[in-house]
């Protein structure tokens, strides 16, 4: 095992001295990724894309499952409860395994659990059992908890301490490659081919012929001028009637659609198993094992700081805001703007393209701007844009919603790095688990947003708003809390290494 090294998190970590950290311009050049770590860095970075795919392919399924199983928005959002609940369950056990064995061991276990969870969608779809899908997602994210608990501090340790946070932000910048792939698969290969989408199309539109002999589909007269939310409710009622009056046809629709949904999970399981074999046969830096006993008292002392606890809380509400923003974009587009599921998902894809580009841009900015300051400014802008999605009507509201993603790009790795600043490698392994447990915010908050949507109209400041619109006050409030952590960290100096027995 390599000697313990401190893990800084200040974006100004290139700055050598306290005076420079306070605002002077003395800067030293440090290698972002030393040559000896290049192959391990590339291999570990592939994991960021893999869990990105799982996260963002699952998001559109919240809406799809609502229609396939004819359940409420609250019930369909249990997909996110199960998915992100796996992080909260497994992050701490993952940290203990990694500490006793190695980062490599934790990654291999994580990839195995990822594949098992993905493959469980096969019996879930064949049995047409929503509860079994929830179990498969829960187990899948056991694997993701191992991967994130291992990969984030592993990347931090692959090079100079001074460039640790920028290195993590750079690796995290490849996460949206996976998220965009997941969204693209959902938008182009899944949602348009669901029978429930065809049923909606046939129920609400009629084919008309133009003078040039071409045909197109237009809204039926009874739906013209109706709010999209009214049309949405009518489609739901029609499907419930189909289930009652023609259960065989409804069951055939379910079976077909669940078969379509499972295909990407089977494919990603094969990819994950392939990556797992690469890790099994690759020589990786061994910086994860520690035989030293855990000094509970010293560990608690090192982790019970405003920096760390505030980081865990900020991470929880940030993840909740991100998941809510993306999960219900489809609902926003379909219910408020009359889009199809595939059309609304395309706006989600655009949001993630913006997320990807902004992550690279903000990672570069972090070299020159205090991390806490940038975090606070981005959170403030994101909260304002979320409010725009609530109060601005028409497509302008969708533009605001999509633009929120430009503010989210570097929040996760920046909060992560700030919270672990000054910890030894061993303490950071267990401290990392707390930050991964915080991802449970993505499990708890979407069902609350779903219940707001189910509740119908909401009066806010004397203005009557549709439930979908009003629900985006939740991510706005979450980002407002992130502002406080960013402002607090903007006035903190980089921490000296924690003292005492390595945890």
Protein backbone atom coordinates (compact mmCIF):
# COMPACT_ATOMS: atom_id res chain seq x y z
CA UNK A 1 0.00 0.00 0.00
CA UNK A 2 1.22 3.45 -0.81
CA UNK A 3 1.77 5.89 1.99
CA UNK A 4 -1.32 7.80 3.06
CA UNK A 5 -1.77 11.05 1.20
CA UNK A 6 -4.08 13.87 1.94
CA UNK A 7 -6.95 14.51 -0.43
CA UNK A 8 -7.45 18.21 -1.02
CA UNK A 9 -10.60 19.50 -2.51
CA UNK A 10 -10.14 23.18 -3.00
CA UNK A 11 -10.27 24.01 -6.69
CA UNK A 12 -7.41 26.36 -5.89
CA UNK A 13 -5.36 23.32 -4.92
CA UNK A 14 -2.75 24.39 -7.45
CA UNK A 15 -1.99 27.22 -5.05
CA UNK A 16 0.96 26.50 -2.80
CA UNK A 17 0.62 28.86 0.09
CA UNK A 18 -2.06 30.15 2.44
CA UNK A 19 -1.39 33.61 1.08
CA UNK A 20 -2.06 32.43 -2.44
CA UNK A 21 -5.20 30.64 -1.28
CA UNK A 22 -6.43 33.89 0.15
CA UNK A 23 -6.19 35.70 -3.15
CA UNK A 24 -2.53 36.10 -4.20
CA UNK A 25 -1.57 34.87 -7.64
CA UNK A 26 1.35 32.56 -6.81
CA UNK A 27 0.55 29.35 -8.72
CA UNK A 28 2.55 26.19 -9.34
CA UNK A 29 2.10 23.86 -12.29
CA UNK A 30 1.18 20.30 -11.31
CA UNK A 31 0.58 17.22 -13.43
CA UNK A 32 -3.08 16.37 -13.71
CA UNK A 33 -2.48 12.68 -14.55
CA UNK A 34 1.09 11.34 -14.16
CA UNK A 35 2.18 8.93 -16.89
CA UNK A 36 2.33 5.91 -14.57
CA UNK A 37 -1.33 6.37 -13.72
CA UNK A 38 -2.62 7.00 -17.25
CA UNK A 39 -3.90 3.48 -18.03
CA UNK A 40 -5.50 2.96 -14.58
CA UNK A 41 -7.06 6.43 -14.85
CA UNK A 42 -8.57 5.66 -18.26
CA UNK A 43 -9.90 2.29 -17.08
CA UNK A 44 -11.46 3.70 -13.91
CA UNK A 45 -12.92 6.63 -15.87
CA UNK A 46 -14.94 4.16 -17.97
CA UNK A 47 -16.91 3.42 -14.79
CA UNK A 48 -18.22 6.98 -14.70
CA UNK A 49 -19.88 6.43 -18.07
CA UNK A 50 -21.25 3.03 -17.03
CA UNK A 51 -23.12 4.31 -14.00
CA UNK A 52 -24.21 7.36 -16.01
CA UNK A 53 -25.96 5.04 -18.47
CA UNK A 54 -27.83 3.24 -15.70
CA UNK A 55 -28.87 6.49 -14.02
CA UNK A 56 -30.28 8.15 -17.10
CA UNK A 57 -31.75 5.20 -18.93
CA UNK A 58 -33.80 4.56 -15.81
CA UNK A 59 -35.17 8.13 -15.57
CA UNK A 60 -37.53 7.86 -18.58
CA UNK A 61 -38.86 4.57 -17.25
CA UNK A 62 -40.65 6.45 -14.47
CA UNK A 63 -43.11 7.76 -17.06
CA UNK A 64 -43.09 4.54 -19.10
CA UNK A 65 -43.90 2.36 -16.07
CA UNK A 66 -46.71 4.74 -15.11
CA UNK A 67 -48.46 3.97 -18.39
CA UNK A 68 -47.44 0.32 -18.76
CA UNK A 69 -48.64 -0.64 -15.27
CA UNK A 70 -51.33 2.09 -14.97
CA UNK A 71 -50.02 3.40 -11.66
CA UNK A 72 -49.82 6.87 -10.13
CA UNK A 73 -46.91 9.28 -10.49
CA UNK A 74 -46.03 8.58 -6.85
CA UNK A 75 -45.99 4.82 -7.45
CA UNK A 76 -43.95 5.10 -10.64
CA UNK A 77 -41.43 7.33 -8.83
CA UNK A 78 -40.73 4.36 -6.55
CA UNK A 79 -38.38 3.39 -9.38
CA UNK A 80 -36.13 6.21 -8.19
CA UNK A 81 -36.65 5.25 -4.54
CA UNK A 82 -35.44 1.72 -5.27
CA UNK A 83 -32.69 2.86 -7.61
CA UNK A 84 -31.11 5.50 -5.41
CA UNK A 85 -32.01 3.67 -2.21
CA UNK A 86 -29.40 1.08 -3.15
CA UNK A 87 -26.72 3.73 -2.70
CA UNK A 88 -27.83 4.46 0.84
CA UNK A 89 -27.87 0.77 1.73
CA UNK A 90 -24.54 -0.31 0.29
CA UNK A 91 -22.16 2.68 0.38
CA UNK A 92 -20.80 2.07 3.89
CA UNK A 93 -20.36 -1.73 3.44
CA UNK A 94 -18.62 -0.92 0.16
CA UNK A 95 -16.22 1.46 1.92
CA UNK A 96 -15.35 -1.22 4.50
CA UNK A 97 -14.69 -3.81 1.78
CA UNK A 98 -12.50 -1.36 -0.14
CA UNK A 99 -10.57 -0.46 3.00
CA UNK A 100 -9.88 -4.07 3.93
CA UNK A 101 -9.03 -5.28 0.43
CA UNK A 102 -8.51 -2.70 -2.34
CA UNK A 103 -10.15 -0.27 -4.72
CA UNK A 104 -9.80 -2.93 -7.43
CA UNK A 105 -11.69 -5.49 -5.35
CA UNK A 106 -14.48 -3.00 -4.68
CA UNK A 107 -14.77 -2.22 -8.38
CA UNK A 108 -14.96 -5.89 -9.38
CA UNK A 109 -17.67 -6.57 -6.77
CA UNK A 110 -19.54 -3.49 -7.96
CA UNK A 111 -19.47 -4.55 -11.59
CA UNK A 112 -20.71 -8.04 -10.67
CA UNK A 113 -23.66 -6.61 -8.72
CA UNK A 114 -24.40 -4.17 -11.56
CA UNK A 115 -24.64 -7.07 -14.03
CA UNK A 116 -26.80 -9.18 -11.70
CA UNK A 117 -29.26 -6.35 -11.18
CA UNK A 118 -29.47 -5.64 -14.91
CA UNK A 119 -30.06 -9.31 -15.72
CA UNK A 120 -32.87 -9.52 -13.15
CA UNK A 121 -34.96 -7.36 -15.50
CA UNK A 122 -35.37 -10.52 -17.61
CA UNK A 123 -37.57 -12.40 -15.08
CA UNK A 124 -39.17 -9.09 -14.07
CA UNK A 125 -40.34 -8.45 -17.63
CA UNK A 126 -41.42 -12.05 -18.22
CA UNK A 127 -43.47 -12.05 -15.00
CA UNK A 128 -44.71 -8.49 -15.74
CA UNK A 129 -43.98 -7.71 -12.09
CA UNK A 130 -43.34 -4.08 -11.16
CA UNK A 131 -42.09 -5.12 -7.71
CA UNK A 132 -39.41 -7.33 -9.28
CA UNK A 133 -38.22 -4.43 -11.41
CA UNK A 134 -37.82 -2.45 -8.20
CA UNK A 135 -35.73 -5.25 -6.69
CA UNK A 136 -33.56 -5.46 -9.81
CA UNK A 137 -32.90 -1.71 -9.70
CA UNK A 138 -32.15 -1.93 -5.98
CA UNK A 139 -29.53 -4.65 -6.51
CA UNK A 140 -28.12 -2.90 -9.58
CA UNK A 141 -27.40 0.16 -7.48
CA UNK A 142 -25.68 -1.96 -4.85
CA UNK A 143 -23.13 -2.30 -7.63
CA UNK A 144 -23.17 1.40 -8.44
CA UNK A 145 -22.59 2.20 -4.76
CA UNK A 146 -19.45 0.04 -4.83
CA UNK A 147 -18.30 1.69 -8.06
CA UNK A 148 -18.83 5.27 -6.92
CA UNK A 149 -17.42 4.66 -3.44
CA UNK A 150 -14.28 3.22 -5.04
CA UNK A 151 -13.84 5.27 -8.20
CA UNK A 152 -14.11 8.79 -6.79
CA UNK A 153 -11.37 8.55 -4.10
CA UNK A 154 -9.33 6.26 -6.39
CA UNK A 155 -9.20 9.03 -9.02
CA UNK A 156 -8.28 11.56 -6.32
CA UNK A 157 -5.30 9.42 -5.32
CA UNK A 158 -3.92 8.98 -8.87
CA UNK A 159 -1.49 11.87 -8.89
CA UNK A 160 -0.43 15.03 -7.08
CA UNK A 161 -2.55 16.24 -4.22
CA UNK A 162 -2.56 19.75 -5.67
CA UNK A 163 -4.51 18.69 -8.77
CA UNK A 164 -6.80 16.13 -7.08
CA UNK A 165 -10.07 18.03 -7.39
CA UNK A 166 -9.49 19.02 -11.01
CA UNK A 167 -8.58 15.40 -11.76
CA UNK A 168 -11.86 14.20 -10.28
CA UNK A 169 -13.82 16.84 -12.17
CA UNK A 170 -12.08 15.76 -15.38
CA UNK A 171 -12.98 12.09 -14.79
CA UNK A 172 -16.54 13.04 -13.84
CA UNK A 173 -16.80 14.95 -17.13
CA UNK A 174 -17.09 11.57 -18.88
CA UNK A 175 -20.13 10.60 -16.81
CA UNK A 176 -22.48 12.47 -19.20
CA UNK A 177 -21.18 10.31 -22.07
CA UNK A 178 -22.98 7.45 -20.36
CA UNK A 179 -26.01 9.56 -19.44
CA UNK A 180 -26.41 10.75 -23.03
CA UNK A 181 -26.13 7.19 -24.31
CA UNK A 182 -28.81 6.06 -21.87
CA UNK A 183 -31.09 8.93 -22.84
CA UNK A 184 -30.48 8.38 -26.56
CA UNK A 185 -31.34 4.69 -26.24
CA UNK A 186 -34.53 5.54 -24.35
CA UNK A 187 -35.56 8.28 -26.78
CA UNK A 188 -34.84 6.55 -30.08
CA UNK A 189 -34.94 2.81 -29.39
CA UNK A 190 -37.43 2.43 -26.53
CA UNK A 191 -40.10 5.12 -26.09
CA UNK A 192 -41.22 5.34 -29.75
CA UNK A 193 -41.69 1.56 -29.93
CA UNK A 194 -43.86 1.11 -26.86
CA UNK A 195 -47.39 -0.07 -27.56
CA UNK A 196 -48.69 2.38 -24.96
CA UNK A 197 -47.28 5.21 -27.09
CA UNK A 198 -49.08 3.83 -30.14
CA UNK A 199 -52.30 3.50 -28.14
CA UNK A 200 -52.02 7.17 -27.09
CA UNK A 201 -51.41 8.20 -30.68
CA UNK A 202 -54.41 6.27 -32.02
CA UNK A 203 -56.70 7.43 -29.22
CA UNK A 204 -55.95 11.16 -29.45
CA UNK A 205 -55.27 11.70 -33.16
CA UNK A 206 -56.83 10.94 -36.54
CA UNK A 207 -55.18 10.56 -39.92
CA UNK A 208 -56.10 13.18 -42.53
CA UNK A 209 -55.15 13.44 -46.19
CA UNK A 210 -53.66 16.60 -47.68
CA UNK A 211 -54.27 17.89 -51.20
CA UNK A 212 -50.90 16.59 -52.38
CA UNK A 213 -51.87 13.06 -51.41
CA UNK A 214 -49.76 12.87 -48.24
CA UNK A 215 -51.30 12.04 -44.88
CA UNK A 216 -50.66 13.28 -41.37
CA UNK A 217 -52.14 12.82 -37.94
CA UNK A 218 -53.92 15.65 -36.13
CA UNK A 219 -55.73 15.90 -32.80
CA UNK A 220 -59.27 14.60 -32.83
CA UNK A 221 -61.87 17.38 -32.64
CA UNK A 222 -62.82 16.52 -29.06
CA UNK A 223 -59.24 17.15 -27.92
CA UNK A 224 -58.61 20.37 -29.82
CA UNK A 225 -58.10 23.31 -27.48
CA UNK A 226 -57.82 21.02 -24.44
CA UNK A 227 -54.92 21.38 -22.03
CA UNK A 228 -52.32 18.62 -22.45
CA UNK A 229 -53.01 17.56 -18.86
CA UNK A 230 -56.69 16.97 -19.77
CA UNK A 231 -55.70 14.89 -22.79
CA UNK A 232 -53.26 12.96 -20.61
CA UNK A 233 -56.03 12.13 -18.14
CA UNK A 234 -58.36 10.99 -20.93
CA UNK A 235 -55.69 8.62 -22.28
CA UNK A 236 -55.20 7.15 -18.81
CA UNK A 237 -58.93 6.56 -18.42
CA UNK A 238 -59.10 4.89 -21.84
CA UNK A 239 -56.27 2.53 -20.93
CA UNK A 240 -57.99 1.61 -17.67
CA UNK A 241 -61.12 0.78 -19.66
CA UNK A 242 -59.02 -1.37 -22.00
CA UNK A 243 -57.56 -3.27 -19.04
CA UNK A 244 -61.06 -3.94 -17.71
CA UNK A 245 -62.83 -4.72 -20.98
CA UNK A 246 -60.08 -6.44 -22.96
CA UNK A 247 -57.53 -7.80 -20.46
CA UNK A 248 -55.87 -10.05 -23.06
CA UNK A 249 -55.00 -7.12 -25.35
CA UNK A 250 -53.82 -5.07 -22.40
CA UNK A 251 -51.65 -7.93 -21.15
CA UNK A 252 -50.16 -8.35 -24.63
CA UNK A 253 -49.29 -4.62 -24.67
CA UNK A 254 -47.61 -4.93 -21.27
CA UNK A 255 -45.63 -7.99 -22.32
CA UNK A 256 -44.42 -6.31 -25.51
CA UNK A 257 -43.44 -3.06 -23.82
CA UNK A 258 -41.60 -4.71 -20.94
CA UNK A 259 -39.69 -6.80 -23.47
CA UNK A 260 -38.60 -3.59 -25.20
CA UNK A 261 -37.58 -2.04 -21.86
CA UNK A 262 -35.38 -4.97 -20.81
CA UNK A 263 -33.24 -5.20 -23.96
CA UNK A 264 -30.84 -2.35 -23.05
CA UNK A 265 -30.37 -3.83 -19.57
CA UNK A 266 -29.34 -7.17 -21.08
CA UNK A 267 -26.93 -5.39 -23.42
CA UNK A 268 -25.38 -3.25 -20.69
CA UNK A 269 -24.97 -6.36 -18.49
CA UNK A 270 -22.80 -7.89 -21.23
CA UNK A 271 -20.72 -4.68 -21.45
CA UNK A 272 -20.33 -4.53 -17.67
CA UNK A 273 -19.14 -8.14 -17.50
CA UNK A 274 -16.60 -7.35 -20.21
CA UNK A 275 -15.27 -4.36 -18.26
CA UNK A 276 -15.15 -6.50 -15.11
CA UNK A 277 -12.84 -8.98 -16.90
CA UNK A 278 -10.56 -6.09 -17.91
CA UNK A 279 -10.21 -5.12 -14.24
CA UNK A 280 -9.64 -8.74 -13.20
CA UNK A 281 -6.69 -9.09 -15.57
CA UNK A 282 -5.26 -5.54 -15.27
CA UNK A 283 -2.61 -4.48 -12.79
CA UNK A 284 -3.95 -1.52 -10.83
CA UNK A 285 -2.29 0.75 -8.23
CA UNK A 286 -3.00 -0.73 -4.80
CA UNK A 287 -3.99 2.28 -2.70
CA UNK A 288 -7.13 0.90 -1.12
CA UNK A 289 -6.03 -1.68 1.45
CA UNK A 290 -5.33 -0.80 5.07
CA UNK A 291 -4.55 -3.20 7.87
CA UNK A 292 -4.61 -0.47 10.51
CA UNK A 293 -7.58 -0.72 12.89
CA UNK A 294 -10.22 1.95 12.57
CA UNK A 295 -9.80 4.55 15.27
CA UNK A 296 -13.47 5.33 15.75
CA UNK A 297 -12.95 8.33 18.00
CA UNK A 298 -10.43 9.97 15.68
CA UNK A 299 -12.54 9.15 12.63
CA UNK A 300 -15.60 10.76 14.19
CA UNK A 301 -13.53 13.80 15.13
CA UNK A 302 -12.19 14.12 11.59
CA UNK A 303 -15.63 13.75 10.00
CA UNK A 304 -17.73 15.84 12.40
CA UNK A 305 -16.76 19.11 10.83
CA UNK A 306 -18.96 21.73 9.20
CA UNK A 307 -16.99 21.16 6.01
CA UNK A 308 -17.78 17.43 5.86
CA UNK A 309 -21.29 17.33 7.34
CA UNK A 310 -22.30 20.34 5.28
CA UNK A 311 -20.91 18.58 2.21
CA UNK A 312 -22.97 15.46 2.88
CA UNK A 313 -26.15 17.51 3.28
CA UNK A 314 -25.37 19.62 0.21
CA UNK A 315 -24.67 16.49 -1.81
CA UNK A 316 -27.99 14.96 -0.77
CA UNK A 317 -30.10 17.93 -1.82
CA UNK A 318 -28.03 18.47 -4.98
CA UNK A 319 -28.57 14.87 -6.14
CA UNK A 320 -32.26 15.18 -5.33
CA UNK A 321 -32.49 18.37 -7.40
CA UNK A 322 -30.69 16.78 -10.34
CA UNK A 323 -32.80 13.62 -10.36
CA UNK A 324 -36.06 15.57 -10.03
CA UNK A 325 -35.08 17.96 -12.81
CA UNK A 326 -34.39 15.17 -15.29
CA UNK A 327 -36.94 12.57 -14.18
CA UNK A 328 -39.99 14.76 -14.66
CA UNK A 329 -38.90 16.64 -17.79
CA UNK A 330 -40.95 14.11 -19.77
CA UNK A 331 -43.99 14.84 -17.59
CA UNK A 332 -43.40 18.57 -18.07
CA UNK A 333 -43.28 18.27 -21.85
CA UNK A 334 -46.22 15.87 -22.18
CA UNK A 335 -48.54 17.41 -19.60
CA UNK A 336 -47.88 21.10 -20.19
CA UNK A 337 -46.77 21.28 -23.82
CA UNK A 338 -48.55 18.35 -25.46
CA UNK A 339 -45.36 16.55 -26.53
CA UNK A 340 -45.01 12.83 -27.07
CA UNK A 341 -42.81 10.90 -24.63
CA UNK A 342 -40.04 10.64 -27.24
CA UNK A 343 -40.22 14.36 -28.04
CA UNK A 344 -40.05 15.30 -24.37
CA UNK A 345 -37.13 12.91 -23.88
CA UNK A 346 -35.26 14.73 -26.65
CA UNK A 347 -35.33 17.83 -24.43
CA UNK A 348 -33.78 15.69 -21.70
CA UNK A 349 -31.04 14.72 -24.13
CA UNK A 350 -30.43 18.39 -24.92
CA UNK A 351 -30.23 19.10 -21.19
CA UNK A 352 -27.56 16.43 -20.80
CA UNK A 353 -25.57 17.71 -23.77
CA UNK A 354 -25.54 21.08 -22.02
CA UNK A 355 -24.60 19.30 -18.78
CA UNK A 356 -21.67 17.59 -20.52
CA UNK A 357 -20.34 20.73 -22.20
CA UNK A 358 -20.75 22.79 -19.04
CA UNK A 359 -18.88 20.19 -16.97
CA UNK A 360 -15.78 20.56 -19.14
CA UNK A 361 -16.16 24.35 -19.12
CA UNK A 362 -16.60 24.64 -15.36
CA UNK A 363 -13.77 22.14 -14.73
CA UNK A 364 -11.47 24.51 -16.64
CA UNK A 365 -12.89 27.47 -14.69
CA UNK A 366 -12.12 25.74 -11.39
CA UNK A 367 -8.43 26.25 -12.12
CA UNK A 368 -8.91 29.97 -11.64
CA UNK A 369 -12.02 30.42 -9.48
CA UNK A 370 -12.58 29.44 -5.86
CA UNK A 371 -14.65 26.24 -5.76
CA UNK A 372 -17.05 27.46 -3.08
CA UNK A 373 -17.68 30.70 -4.95
CA UNK A 374 -18.39 28.90 -8.22
CA UNK A 375 -20.65 26.39 -6.44
CA UNK A 376 -22.72 29.16 -4.83
CA UNK A 377 -23.09 31.09 -8.09
CA UNK A 378 -24.13 28.02 -10.07
CA UNK A 379 -26.61 26.96 -7.39
CA UNK A 380 -28.16 30.43 -7.38
CA UNK A 381 -28.51 30.41 -11.16
CA UNK A 382 -29.99 26.89 -11.09
CA UNK A 383 -32.55 27.85 -8.44
CA UNK A 384 -33.58 30.90 -10.48
CA UNK A 385 -33.99 28.83 -13.65
CA UNK A 386 -36.04 26.22 -11.77
CA UNK A 387 -38.36 29.01 -10.68
CA UNK A 388 -38.53 30.04 -14.33
CA UNK A 389 -39.80 26.55 -15.18
CA UNK A 390 -42.52 27.11 -12.57
CA UNK A 391 -43.71 30.59 -13.42
CA UNK A 392 -42.84 31.07 -17.11
CA UNK A 393 -45.49 29.73 -19.49
CA UNK A 394 -45.08 27.83 -22.75
CA UNK A 395 -41.83 26.75 -24.35
CA UNK A 396 -39.93 29.44 -22.44
CA UNK A 397 -40.57 27.42 -19.29
CA UNK A 398 -39.03 24.35 -20.97
CA UNK A 399 -36.02 26.45 -22.00
CA UNK A 400 -35.53 27.41 -18.34
CA UNK A 401 -35.84 23.78 -17.27
CA UNK A 402 -33.26 22.61 -19.80
CA UNK A 403 -30.90 25.46 -18.89
CA UNK A 404 -30.80 24.28 -15.26
CA UNK A 405 -28.45 21.52 -16.42
CA UNK A 406 -25.81 24.10 -17.33
CA UNK A 407 -25.60 24.90 -13.61
CA UNK A 408 -25.38 21.29 -12.41
CA UNK A 409 -22.28 20.15 -14.31
CA UNK A 410 -19.60 20.27 -11.63
CA UNK A 411 -21.66 20.31 -8.45
CA UNK A 412 -21.27 16.63 -7.50
CA UNK A 413 -17.45 16.37 -7.81
CA UNK A 414 -16.93 19.87 -6.41
CA UNK A 415 -18.99 19.20 -3.28
CA UNK A 416 -17.31 15.81 -3.02
CA UNK A 417 -13.83 17.28 -3.14
CA UNK A 418 -14.60 20.17 -0.81
CA UNK A 419 -16.04 17.85 1.83
CA UNK A 420 -12.98 15.54 1.81
CA UNK A 421 -10.41 18.33 1.91
CA UNK A 422 -7.71 17.63 4.53
CA UNK A 423 -8.58 13.98 5.19
CA UNK A 424 -6.04 11.18 4.97
CA UNK A 425 -6.61 8.56 2.28
CA UNK A 426 -7.98 6.09 4.84
CA UNK A 427 -10.38 8.60 6.36
CA UNK A 428 -11.39 9.69 2.88
CA UNK A 429 -12.40 6.11 1.97
CA UNK A 430 -14.97 6.07 4.78
CA UNK A 431 -15.80 9.73 4.35
CA UNK A 432 -16.48 8.96 0.69
CA UNK A 433 -19.13 6.46 1.79
CA UNK A 434 -21.06 9.21 3.56
CA UNK A 435 -21.07 11.29 0.39
CA UNK A 436 -22.30 8.29 -1.62
CA UNK A 437 -25.00 7.61 1.00
CA UNK A 438 -26.09 11.20 0.36
CA UNK A 439 -27.16 10.07 -3.11
CA UNK A 440 -30.22 8.71 -1.31
CA UNK A 441 -31.55 12.24 -1.79
CA UNK A 442 -32.31 11.01 -5.30
CA UNK A 443 -34.47 8.29 -3.75
CA UNK A 444 -36.43 10.38 -1.26
CA UNK A 445 -37.25 13.54 -3.18
CA UNK A 446 -38.67 12.28 -6.55
CA UNK A 447 -41.60 10.47 -4.84
CA UNK A 448 -42.40 13.75 -3.06
CA UNK A 449 -42.36 15.53 -6.40
CA UNK A 450 -44.54 12.77 -7.86
CA UNK A 451 -47.10 13.22 -5.08
CA UNK A 452 -47.24 16.96 -5.84
CA UNK A 453 -47.94 16.15 -9.48
CA UNK A 454 -50.67 13.68 -8.48
CA UNK A 455 -52.26 16.34 -6.26
CA UNK A 456 -53.37 18.44 -9.24
CA UNK A 457 -53.32 22.23 -9.29
CA UNK A 458 -51.45 24.21 -6.64
CA UNK A 459 -51.88 27.87 -5.70
CA UNK A 460 -48.53 29.67 -5.34
CA UNK A 461 -48.40 33.39 -4.57
CA UNK A 462 -52.00 33.69 -5.73
CA UNK A 463 -51.25 31.98 -9.05
CA UNK A 464 -52.91 28.64 -9.86
CA UNK A 465 -50.31 26.25 -11.29
CA UNK A 466 -50.51 22.72 -12.67
CA UNK A 467 -49.00 20.14 -10.35
CA UNK A 468 -46.11 19.38 -12.74
CA UNK A 469 -45.20 23.06 -12.92
CA UNK A 470 -45.46 23.67 -9.17
CA UNK A 471 -43.40 20.55 -8.40
CA UNK A 472 -40.25 22.25 -9.70
CA UNK A 473 -40.24 24.47 -6.63
CA UNK A 474 -38.70 21.42 -4.91
CA UNK A 475 -35.44 21.38 -6.91
CA UNK A 476 -35.33 25.18 -6.65
CA UNK A 477 -35.44 24.87 -2.86
CA UNK A 478 -32.76 22.16 -2.89
CA UNK A 479 -30.40 24.31 -4.91
CA UNK A 480 -31.05 27.22 -2.56
CA UNK A 481 -29.61 25.06 0.23
CA UNK A 482 -26.52 24.31 -1.88
CA UNK A 483 -25.94 28.08 -2.10
CA UNK A 484 -25.35 28.20 1.66
CA UNK A 485 -22.69 25.48 1.52
CA UNK A 486 -20.96 27.18 -1.40
CA UNK A 487 -20.88 30.54 0.38
CA UNK A 488 -19.56 28.87 3.56
CA UNK A 489 -16.80 27.08 1.65
CA UNK A 490 -15.85 30.21 -0.29
CA UNK A 491 -14.46 31.66 2.95
CA UNK A 492 -12.61 28.52 4.07
CA UNK A 493 -8.89 27.96 3.53
CA UNK A 494 -7.54 24.60 2.28
CA UNK A 495 -7.32 22.24 5.24
CA UNK A 496 -4.19 20.81 6.78
CA UNK A 497 -4.11 17.00 6.87
CA UNK A 498 -6.21 15.43 9.61
CA UNK A 499 -4.08 14.17 12.49
CA UNK A 500 -4.26 10.99 14.42
CA UNK A 501 -4.42 7.32 13.48
CA UNK A 502 -5.48 6.72 9.92
CA UNK A 503 -9.00 5.46 9.89
